[in-house]
Amino acid sequence: MQSIRTTLLYALVFFATFTSYAQTKNATLADVSFMEGRWRGMFNGGPIDAAWVAPEGDNLTGFMRMMKDNKVTMYEMLIFEQTEQGPIVLVKHFKPGLIGQEEKDVSDRYSFVEAKKDYALFEKIDHSIRIIYEKRGPNQLAIQRGQQKDGKWDFKDLFVFNRVK
């Protein structure tokens, strides 16, 4: 009887591991489609607006505009692209006047880590940062930034948005 339990336990662990791996490998832009819409929050003493269009083809496109004292402080383009390894995020930052902060052919790149309902986790290519996109209800979207601290990922809200109706 003990042998059967052990075999079943190993089978369960194998199945759970395989299922988790399969979910990661089969990730698509549908896993981030919950971000679609227009959102507004506050950041650094001023409003921040974000908008994402529905996924179409191999991409989901979004932007952010940060303002203070009625003047733009930064624009950010966020492009989610589907690859064979799953979605990636490409980010470019611009100062007022659409002056790029990164080199012309360079963008911050984030690889897909995991997703569940209304939640997606990405990691910067150099492994220094993780970003969580999370819909916390029908009208709230949060973006959290995580960094390694004492061997664990420590996440803090970076932006919290409310849906613009």
N, C-alpha and C. Protein backbone atom coordinates (compact mmCIF):
# COMPACT_ATOMS: atom_id res chain seq x y z
N MET A 1 0.82 -1.19 0.00
CA MET A 1 0.00 0.00 0.00
C MET A 1 0.87 1.26 0.00
N GLN A 2 1.96 1.22 0.79
CA GLN A 2 2.88 2.36 0.85
C GLN A 2 3.49 2.63 -0.52
N SER A 3 3.80 1.59 -1.26
CA SER A 3 4.38 1.71 -2.58
C SER A 3 3.43 2.42 -3.55
N ILE A 4 2.15 2.10 -3.46
CA ILE A 4 1.15 2.74 -4.32
C ILE A 4 1.05 4.22 -3.98
N ARG A 5 1.04 4.54 -2.70
CA ARG A 5 0.98 5.96 -2.28
C ARG A 5 2.20 6.73 -2.78
N THR A 6 3.36 6.11 -2.65
CA THR A 6 4.59 6.76 -3.11
C THR A 6 4.53 6.99 -4.62
N THR A 7 4.10 5.99 -5.36
CA THR A 7 3.98 6.11 -6.81
C THR A 7 2.98 7.20 -7.18
N LEU A 8 1.86 7.25 -6.50
CA LEU A 8 0.86 8.28 -6.76
C LEU A 8 1.40 9.67 -6.43
N LEU A 9 2.15 9.78 -5.35
CA LEU A 9 2.74 11.05 -4.98
C LEU A 9 3.72 11.52 -6.05
N TYR A 10 4.59 10.62 -6.52
CA TYR A 10 5.52 10.98 -7.59
C TYR A 10 4.78 11.38 -8.86
N ALA A 11 3.74 10.66 -9.17
CA ALA A 11 2.94 10.98 -10.37
C ALA A 11 2.31 12.35 -10.23
N LEU A 12 1.80 12.67 -9.05
CA LEU A 12 1.19 13.97 -8.80
C LEU A 12 2.21 15.09 -8.94
N VAL A 13 3.39 14.91 -8.35
CA VAL A 13 4.46 15.92 -8.45
C VAL A 13 4.87 16.10 -9.91
N PHE A 14 5.05 15.01 -10.64
CA PHE A 14 5.41 15.09 -12.05
C PHE A 14 4.34 15.84 -12.85
N PHE A 15 3.07 15.50 -12.60
CA PHE A 15 1.98 16.14 -13.32
C PHE A 15 1.94 17.64 -13.02
N ALA A 16 2.09 18.00 -11.75
CA ALA A 16 2.06 19.42 -11.35
C ALA A 16 3.21 20.17 -12.00
N THR A 17 4.40 19.57 -12.00
CA THR A 17 5.56 20.21 -12.61
C THR A 17 5.35 20.35 -14.11
N PHE A 18 4.89 19.30 -14.78
CA PHE A 18 4.65 19.34 -16.21
C PHE A 18 3.58 20.37 -16.55
N THR A 19 2.50 20.42 -15.77
CA THR A 19 1.43 21.37 -16.02
C THR A 19 1.93 22.80 -15.88
N SER A 20 2.72 23.06 -14.84
CA SER A 20 3.27 24.39 -14.63
C SER A 20 4.18 24.77 -15.79
N TYR A 21 5.03 23.85 -16.24
CA TYR A 21 5.92 24.09 -17.35
C TYR A 21 5.13 24.34 -18.62
N ALA A 22 4.10 23.54 -18.85
CA ALA A 22 3.28 23.69 -20.05
C ALA A 22 2.58 25.04 -20.06
N GLN A 23 2.10 25.51 -18.90
CA GLN A 23 1.42 26.80 -18.85
C GLN A 23 2.40 27.91 -19.20
N THR A 24 3.64 27.82 -18.71
CA THR A 24 4.63 28.83 -19.01
C THR A 24 4.97 28.81 -20.50
N LYS A 25 5.18 27.64 -21.07
CA LYS A 25 5.56 27.55 -22.47
C LYS A 25 4.42 27.97 -23.40
N ASN A 26 3.18 27.84 -22.97
CA ASN A 26 2.05 28.18 -23.82
C ASN A 26 1.50 29.58 -23.55
N ALA A 27 2.24 30.39 -22.82
CA ALA A 27 1.77 31.74 -22.51
C ALA A 27 1.56 32.53 -23.80
N THR A 28 0.52 33.32 -23.80
CA THR A 28 0.21 34.16 -24.96
C THR A 28 -0.17 35.55 -24.49
N LEU A 29 -0.40 36.41 -25.45
CA LEU A 29 -0.82 37.77 -25.12
C LEU A 29 -2.18 37.80 -24.42
N ALA A 30 -2.95 36.74 -24.56
CA ALA A 30 -4.22 36.66 -23.84
C ALA A 30 -3.99 36.73 -22.33
N ASP A 31 -2.79 36.31 -21.88
CA ASP A 31 -2.47 36.34 -20.45
C ASP A 31 -2.28 37.76 -19.92
N VAL A 32 -2.13 38.75 -20.80
CA VAL A 32 -2.01 40.15 -20.37
C VAL A 32 -3.14 41.01 -20.91
N SER A 33 -4.12 40.40 -21.54
CA SER A 33 -5.22 41.17 -22.14
C SER A 33 -6.06 41.89 -21.08
N PHE A 34 -5.96 41.47 -19.82
CA PHE A 34 -6.71 42.14 -18.74
C PHE A 34 -6.31 43.61 -18.59
N MET A 35 -5.18 44.00 -19.15
CA MET A 35 -4.70 45.38 -19.05
C MET A 35 -5.42 46.33 -20.00
N GLU A 36 -6.13 45.79 -20.95
CA GLU A 36 -6.79 46.61 -21.95
C GLU A 36 -7.64 47.70 -21.29
N GLY A 37 -7.57 48.89 -21.85
CA GLY A 37 -8.40 49.99 -21.37
C GLY A 37 -7.58 51.22 -21.06
N ARG A 38 -8.28 52.21 -20.52
CA ARG A 38 -7.65 53.48 -20.15
C ARG A 38 -7.65 53.58 -18.64
N TRP A 39 -6.51 53.98 -18.07
CA TRP A 39 -6.30 53.97 -16.63
C TRP A 39 -5.67 55.29 -16.18
N ARG A 40 -5.95 55.68 -14.92
CA ARG A 40 -5.35 56.90 -14.37
C ARG A 40 -5.00 56.70 -12.91
N GLY A 41 -3.85 57.26 -12.53
CA GLY A 41 -3.41 57.22 -11.14
C GLY A 41 -2.61 58.46 -10.82
N MET A 42 -1.95 58.43 -9.68
CA MET A 42 -1.07 59.53 -9.26
C MET A 42 0.33 58.96 -9.08
N PHE A 43 1.33 59.75 -9.48
CA PHE A 43 2.71 59.33 -9.34
C PHE A 43 3.58 60.57 -9.19
N ASN A 44 4.41 60.59 -8.18
CA ASN A 44 5.39 61.66 -8.02
C ASN A 44 4.75 63.05 -8.01
N GLY A 45 3.59 63.16 -7.38
CA GLY A 45 2.93 64.45 -7.24
C GLY A 45 2.11 64.90 -8.43
N GLY A 46 1.86 64.03 -9.37
CA GLY A 46 1.07 64.41 -10.53
C GLY A 46 0.34 63.22 -11.10
N PRO A 47 -0.54 63.48 -12.08
CA PRO A 47 -1.30 62.37 -12.67
C PRO A 47 -0.44 61.53 -13.61
N ILE A 48 -0.79 60.25 -13.69
CA ILE A 48 -0.18 59.35 -14.65
C ILE A 48 -1.32 58.66 -15.39
N ASP A 49 -1.29 58.73 -16.69
CA ASP A 49 -2.29 58.09 -17.54
C ASP A 49 -1.65 56.91 -18.25
N ALA A 50 -2.43 55.85 -18.41
CA ALA A 50 -1.96 54.68 -19.14
C ALA A 50 -3.11 54.17 -20.01
N ALA A 51 -2.75 53.62 -21.14
CA ALA A 51 -3.75 53.02 -22.02
C ALA A 51 -3.12 51.84 -22.74
N TRP A 52 -3.88 50.76 -22.83
CA TRP A 52 -3.46 49.58 -23.57
C TRP A 52 -4.60 49.18 -24.50
N VAL A 53 -4.24 48.89 -25.75
CA VAL A 53 -5.23 48.40 -26.70
C VAL A 53 -5.27 46.88 -26.63
N ALA A 54 -6.34 46.31 -27.09
CA ALA A 54 -6.50 44.85 -27.06
C ALA A 54 -5.40 44.19 -27.88
N PRO A 55 -4.98 43.00 -27.47
CA PRO A 55 -3.99 42.28 -28.28
C PRO A 55 -4.53 42.03 -29.69
N GLU A 56 -3.66 42.20 -30.65
CA GLU A 56 -4.01 41.88 -32.03
C GLU A 56 -2.76 41.39 -32.72
N GLY A 57 -2.89 40.29 -33.42
CA GLY A 57 -1.72 39.71 -34.07
C GLY A 57 -0.70 39.31 -33.02
N ASP A 58 0.51 39.80 -33.18
CA ASP A 58 1.59 39.40 -32.27
C ASP A 58 1.94 40.45 -31.23
N ASN A 59 1.00 41.40 -30.97
CA ASN A 59 1.36 42.45 -30.02
C ASN A 59 0.17 43.00 -29.24
N LEU A 60 0.49 43.61 -28.11
CA LEU A 60 -0.43 44.42 -27.31
C LEU A 60 0.37 45.69 -27.04
N THR A 61 -0.19 46.83 -27.39
CA THR A 61 0.55 48.09 -27.31
C THR A 61 -0.05 48.99 -26.25
N GLY A 62 0.83 49.65 -25.50
CA GLY A 62 0.37 50.58 -24.47
C GLY A 62 1.31 51.76 -24.34
N PHE A 63 0.83 52.76 -23.63
CA PHE A 63 1.68 53.91 -23.34
C PHE A 63 1.31 54.48 -21.98
N MET A 64 2.24 55.25 -21.43
CA MET A 64 1.99 55.99 -20.20
C MET A 64 2.46 57.43 -20.40
N ARG A 65 1.75 58.32 -19.73
CA ARG A 65 2.13 59.74 -19.73
C ARG A 65 2.16 60.18 -18.27
N MET A 66 3.31 60.71 -17.84
CA MET A 66 3.46 61.20 -16.48
C MET A 66 3.55 62.72 -16.52
N MET A 67 2.81 63.36 -15.60
CA MET A 67 2.77 64.82 -15.60
C MET A 67 2.95 65.37 -14.18
N LYS A 68 3.40 66.61 -14.11
CA LYS A 68 3.49 67.33 -12.85
C LYS A 68 3.33 68.81 -13.18
N ASP A 69 2.51 69.49 -12.39
CA ASP A 69 2.25 70.91 -12.62
C ASP A 69 1.78 71.18 -14.05
N ASN A 70 0.92 70.31 -14.56
CA ASN A 70 0.33 70.44 -15.90
C ASN A 70 1.35 70.34 -17.03
N LYS A 71 2.51 69.75 -16.76
CA LYS A 71 3.53 69.57 -17.80
C LYS A 71 3.97 68.11 -17.79
N VAL A 72 4.20 67.59 -18.98
CA VAL A 72 4.65 66.20 -19.08
C VAL A 72 6.06 66.08 -18.52
N THR A 73 6.30 65.00 -17.77
CA THR A 73 7.64 64.73 -17.25
C THR A 73 8.26 63.54 -17.97
N MET A 74 7.42 62.62 -18.45
CA MET A 74 7.94 61.46 -19.16
C MET A 74 6.81 60.74 -19.90
N TYR A 75 7.17 60.17 -21.04
CA TYR A 75 6.31 59.25 -21.79
C TYR A 75 6.96 57.88 -21.74
N GLU A 76 6.16 56.85 -21.80
CA GLU A 76 6.69 55.49 -21.81
C GLU A 76 5.87 54.66 -22.79
N MET A 77 6.55 54.00 -23.70
CA MET A 77 5.90 53.05 -24.62
C MET A 77 6.16 51.65 -24.09
N LEU A 78 5.10 50.84 -24.03
CA LEU A 78 5.21 49.45 -23.57
C LEU A 78 4.63 48.56 -24.66
N ILE A 79 5.45 47.73 -25.22
CA ILE A 79 5.01 46.84 -26.29
C ILE A 79 5.17 45.40 -25.81
N PHE A 80 4.06 44.69 -25.75
CA PHE A 80 4.09 43.26 -25.44
C PHE A 80 4.08 42.54 -26.79
N GLU A 81 5.09 41.73 -27.04
CA GLU A 81 5.17 40.98 -28.29
C GLU A 81 5.17 39.49 -28.00
N GLN A 82 4.48 38.76 -28.84
CA GLN A 82 4.45 37.30 -28.71
C GLN A 82 5.69 36.72 -29.36
N THR A 83 6.40 35.85 -28.66
CA THR A 83 7.54 35.13 -29.22
C THR A 83 7.29 33.64 -28.99
N GLU A 84 8.15 32.81 -29.54
CA GLU A 84 8.02 31.37 -29.33
C GLU A 84 8.18 31.00 -27.86
N GLN A 85 8.92 31.81 -27.09
CA GLN A 85 9.12 31.55 -25.67
C GLN A 85 8.01 32.14 -24.80
N GLY A 86 7.07 32.83 -25.40
CA GLY A 86 6.00 33.50 -24.66
C GLY A 86 6.10 34.99 -24.88
N PRO A 87 5.23 35.75 -24.21
CA PRO A 87 5.26 37.20 -24.39
C PRO A 87 6.53 37.82 -23.82
N ILE A 88 6.99 38.88 -24.44
CA ILE A 88 8.07 39.71 -23.89
C ILE A 88 7.53 41.13 -23.82
N VAL A 89 8.15 41.94 -22.97
CA VAL A 89 7.78 43.35 -22.88
C VAL A 89 8.98 44.18 -23.30
N LEU A 90 8.73 45.12 -24.19
CA LEU A 90 9.75 46.06 -24.65
C LEU A 90 9.32 47.44 -24.18
N VAL A 91 10.21 48.17 -23.49
CA VAL A 91 9.86 49.46 -22.89
C VAL A 91 10.86 50.51 -23.35
N LYS A 92 10.33 51.66 -23.77
CA LYS A 92 11.16 52.82 -24.12
C LYS A 92 10.61 54.03 -23.38
N HIS A 93 11.52 54.86 -22.89
CA HIS A 93 11.16 56.07 -22.14
C HIS A 93 11.55 57.30 -22.95
N PHE A 94 10.69 58.32 -22.86
CA PHE A 94 10.94 59.55 -23.59
C PHE A 94 10.73 60.75 -22.69
N LYS A 95 11.61 61.73 -22.79
CA LYS A 95 11.47 63.01 -22.10
C LYS A 95 10.54 63.89 -22.92
N PRO A 96 10.09 65.02 -22.35
CA PRO A 96 9.30 65.95 -23.16
C PRO A 96 10.04 66.27 -24.47
N GLY A 97 9.28 66.47 -25.53
CA GLY A 97 9.87 66.67 -26.85
C GLY A 97 10.16 65.36 -27.55
N LEU A 98 9.72 64.26 -26.97
CA LEU A 98 9.91 62.90 -27.48
C LEU A 98 11.40 62.56 -27.65
N ILE A 99 12.18 63.00 -26.66
CA ILE A 99 13.61 62.73 -26.66
C ILE A 99 13.83 61.40 -25.93
N GLY A 100 14.35 60.43 -26.66
CA GLY A 100 14.54 59.09 -26.10
C GLY A 100 15.56 59.06 -24.99
N GLN A 101 15.27 58.28 -23.96
CA GLN A 101 16.22 58.12 -22.86
C GLN A 101 17.16 56.94 -23.12
N GLU A 102 16.70 55.96 -23.88
CA GLU A 102 17.56 54.84 -24.25
C GLU A 102 18.14 55.14 -25.64
N GLU A 103 19.21 54.43 -25.96
CA GLU A 103 19.77 54.54 -27.30
C GLU A 103 18.70 54.17 -28.33
N LYS A 104 18.86 54.63 -29.56
CA LYS A 104 17.87 54.44 -30.62
C LYS A 104 17.43 52.99 -30.79
N ASP A 105 18.34 52.06 -30.82
CA ASP A 105 18.01 50.65 -31.06
C ASP A 105 17.94 49.82 -29.78
N VAL A 106 17.83 50.47 -28.63
CA VAL A 106 17.84 49.77 -27.35
C VAL A 106 16.52 50.01 -26.64
N SER A 107 16.01 48.96 -26.01
CA SER A 107 14.83 49.10 -25.14
C SER A 107 15.04 48.19 -23.94
N ASP A 108 14.36 48.53 -22.85
CA ASP A 108 14.35 47.61 -21.71
C ASP A 108 13.55 46.40 -22.14
N ARG A 109 14.06 45.20 -21.87
CA ARG A 109 13.40 43.96 -22.29
C ARG A 109 13.11 43.09 -21.07
N TYR A 110 11.88 42.59 -21.04
CA TYR A 110 11.44 41.75 -19.94
C TYR A 110 10.87 40.44 -20.49
N SER A 111 11.28 39.33 -19.92
CA SER A 111 10.81 38.01 -20.34
C SER A 111 9.66 37.56 -19.45
N PHE A 112 8.76 36.80 -20.03
CA PHE A 112 7.63 36.23 -19.30
C PHE A 112 8.12 35.22 -18.27
N VAL A 113 7.55 35.28 -17.05
CA VAL A 113 7.86 34.31 -16.00
C VAL A 113 6.65 33.44 -15.71
N GLU A 114 5.52 34.08 -15.40
CA GLU A 114 4.31 33.31 -15.10
C GLU A 114 3.08 34.20 -15.22
N ALA A 115 1.93 33.55 -15.32
CA ALA A 115 0.67 34.27 -15.38
C ALA A 115 -0.42 33.43 -14.73
N LYS A 116 -1.40 34.13 -14.21
CA LYS A 116 -2.65 33.52 -13.74
C LYS A 116 -3.72 34.56 -14.00
N LYS A 117 -4.93 34.30 -13.63
CA LYS A 117 -6.02 35.22 -13.93
C LYS A 117 -5.70 36.63 -13.41
N ASP A 118 -5.73 37.59 -14.31
CA ASP A 118 -5.52 39.01 -13.98
C ASP A 118 -4.16 39.29 -13.34
N TYR A 119 -3.14 38.52 -13.71
CA TYR A 119 -1.82 38.65 -13.11
C TYR A 119 -0.78 38.14 -14.10
N ALA A 120 0.27 38.93 -14.29
CA ALA A 120 1.38 38.47 -15.14
C ALA A 120 2.69 38.99 -14.56
N LEU A 121 3.70 38.13 -14.55
CA LEU A 121 5.00 38.45 -13.99
C LEU A 121 6.06 38.37 -15.08
N PHE A 122 6.89 39.41 -15.17
CA PHE A 122 7.97 39.48 -16.15
C PHE A 122 9.27 39.81 -15.43
N GLU A 123 10.40 39.40 -16.04
CA GLU A 123 11.71 39.67 -15.45
C GLU A 123 12.61 40.33 -16.48
N LYS A 124 13.29 41.38 -16.05
CA LYS A 124 14.22 42.07 -16.94
C LYS A 124 15.31 41.10 -17.38
N ILE A 125 15.75 41.25 -18.60
CA ILE A 125 16.71 40.32 -19.20
C ILE A 125 17.97 40.15 -18.33
N ASP A 126 18.40 41.21 -17.66
CA ASP A 126 19.60 41.09 -16.81
C ASP A 126 19.28 40.54 -15.41
N HIS A 127 18.02 40.14 -15.19
CA HIS A 127 17.55 39.53 -13.94
C HIS A 127 17.57 40.47 -12.74
N SER A 128 17.71 41.77 -12.97
CA SER A 128 17.81 42.72 -11.86
C SER A 128 16.44 43.16 -11.32
N ILE A 129 15.42 43.08 -12.14
CA ILE A 129 14.10 43.61 -11.78
C ILE A 129 13.03 42.64 -12.24
N ARG A 130 11.96 42.54 -11.46
CA ARG A 130 10.76 41.84 -11.88
C ARG A 130 9.60 42.82 -11.82
N ILE A 131 8.67 42.67 -12.76
CA ILE A 131 7.49 43.54 -12.82
C ILE A 131 6.25 42.67 -12.79
N ILE A 132 5.32 43.04 -11.91
CA ILE A 132 4.02 42.37 -11.84
C ILE A 132 2.97 43.33 -12.39
N TYR A 133 2.17 42.85 -13.31
CA TYR A 133 0.98 43.55 -13.78
C TYR A 133 -0.19 42.81 -13.17
N GLU A 134 -1.03 43.53 -12.43
CA GLU A 134 -2.11 42.86 -11.71
C GLU A 134 -3.38 43.70 -11.70
N LYS A 135 -4.44 43.09 -12.15
CA LYS A 135 -5.76 43.72 -12.08
C LYS A 135 -6.36 43.31 -10.74
N ARG A 136 -6.57 44.29 -9.86
CA ARG A 136 -7.02 44.02 -8.50
C ARG A 136 -8.52 44.08 -8.33
N GLY A 137 -9.20 44.24 -9.38
CA GLY A 137 -10.66 44.31 -9.39
C GLY A 137 -11.06 44.84 -10.74
N PRO A 138 -12.35 44.98 -10.99
CA PRO A 138 -12.76 45.41 -12.34
C PRO A 138 -12.27 46.80 -12.71
N ASN A 139 -11.94 47.62 -11.71
CA ASN A 139 -11.59 49.01 -12.00
C ASN A 139 -10.24 49.44 -11.44
N GLN A 140 -9.37 48.49 -11.09
CA GLN A 140 -8.06 48.86 -10.57
C GLN A 140 -6.97 47.97 -11.18
N LEU A 141 -5.91 48.63 -11.62
CA LEU A 141 -4.75 47.95 -12.19
C LEU A 141 -3.51 48.44 -11.45
N ALA A 142 -2.65 47.53 -11.05
CA ALA A 142 -1.41 47.89 -10.36
C ALA A 142 -0.21 47.33 -11.11
N ILE A 143 0.86 48.09 -11.06
CA ILE A 143 2.14 47.63 -11.58
C ILE A 143 3.10 47.67 -10.40
N GLN A 144 3.67 46.51 -10.08
CA GLN A 144 4.61 46.41 -8.98
C GLN A 144 6.01 46.16 -9.51
N ARG A 145 6.98 46.71 -8.80
CA ARG A 145 8.38 46.52 -9.17
C ARG A 145 9.04 45.72 -8.06
N GLY A 146 9.77 44.67 -8.44
CA GLY A 146 10.44 43.83 -7.46
C GLY A 146 11.94 43.77 -7.67
N GLN A 147 12.66 43.71 -6.55
CA GLN A 147 14.10 43.54 -6.58
C GLN A 147 14.48 42.50 -5.54
N GLN A 148 15.62 41.88 -5.74
CA GLN A 148 16.11 40.88 -4.80
C GLN A 148 16.51 41.55 -3.49
N LYS A 149 16.04 40.95 -2.38
CA LYS A 149 16.41 41.43 -1.05
C LYS A 149 16.54 40.21 -0.16
N ASP A 150 17.71 39.97 0.35
CA ASP A 150 17.98 38.82 1.20
C ASP A 150 17.57 37.50 0.53
N GLY A 151 17.85 37.39 -0.76
CA GLY A 151 17.58 36.17 -1.49
C GLY A 151 16.13 35.95 -1.91
N LYS A 152 15.27 36.94 -1.66
CA LYS A 152 13.86 36.84 -2.05
C LYS A 152 13.47 38.08 -2.84
N TRP A 153 12.44 37.92 -3.67
CA TRP A 153 11.93 39.06 -4.42
C TRP A 153 11.04 39.90 -3.52
N ASP A 154 11.32 41.20 -3.45
CA ASP A 154 10.56 42.15 -2.65
C ASP A 154 9.85 43.10 -3.61
N PHE A 155 8.50 43.06 -3.60
CA PHE A 155 7.70 43.86 -4.53
C PHE A 155 7.03 45.03 -3.82
N LYS A 156 7.00 46.16 -4.52
CA LYS A 156 6.30 47.35 -4.03
C LYS A 156 5.50 47.94 -5.18
N ASP A 157 4.34 48.50 -4.85
CA ASP A 157 3.55 49.16 -5.88
C ASP A 157 4.36 50.29 -6.50
N LEU A 158 4.42 50.30 -7.81
CA LEU A 158 5.05 51.38 -8.56
C LEU A 158 3.97 52.34 -9.04
N PHE A 159 2.93 51.78 -9.65
CA PHE A 159 1.79 52.56 -10.12
C PHE A 159 0.51 51.83 -9.73
N VAL A 160 -0.49 52.59 -9.28
CA VAL A 160 -1.83 52.04 -9.05
C VAL A 160 -2.79 52.92 -9.83
N PHE A 161 -3.53 52.28 -10.74
CA PHE A 161 -4.43 52.99 -11.64
C PHE A 161 -5.88 52.63 -11.34
N ASN A 162 -6.76 53.58 -11.62
CA ASN A 162 -8.19 53.32 -11.63
C ASN A 162 -8.67 53.46 -13.07
N ARG A 163 -9.63 52.63 -13.43
CA ARG A 163 -10.16 52.66 -14.79
C ARG A 163 -10.83 54.00 -15.07
N VAL A 164 -10.56 54.55 -16.24
CA VAL A 164 -11.22 55.78 -16.69
C VAL A 164 -12.44 55.35 -17.47
N LYS A 165 -13.59 55.85 -17.05
CA LYS A 165 -14.85 55.46 -17.72
C LYS A 165 -15.32 56.55 -18.64
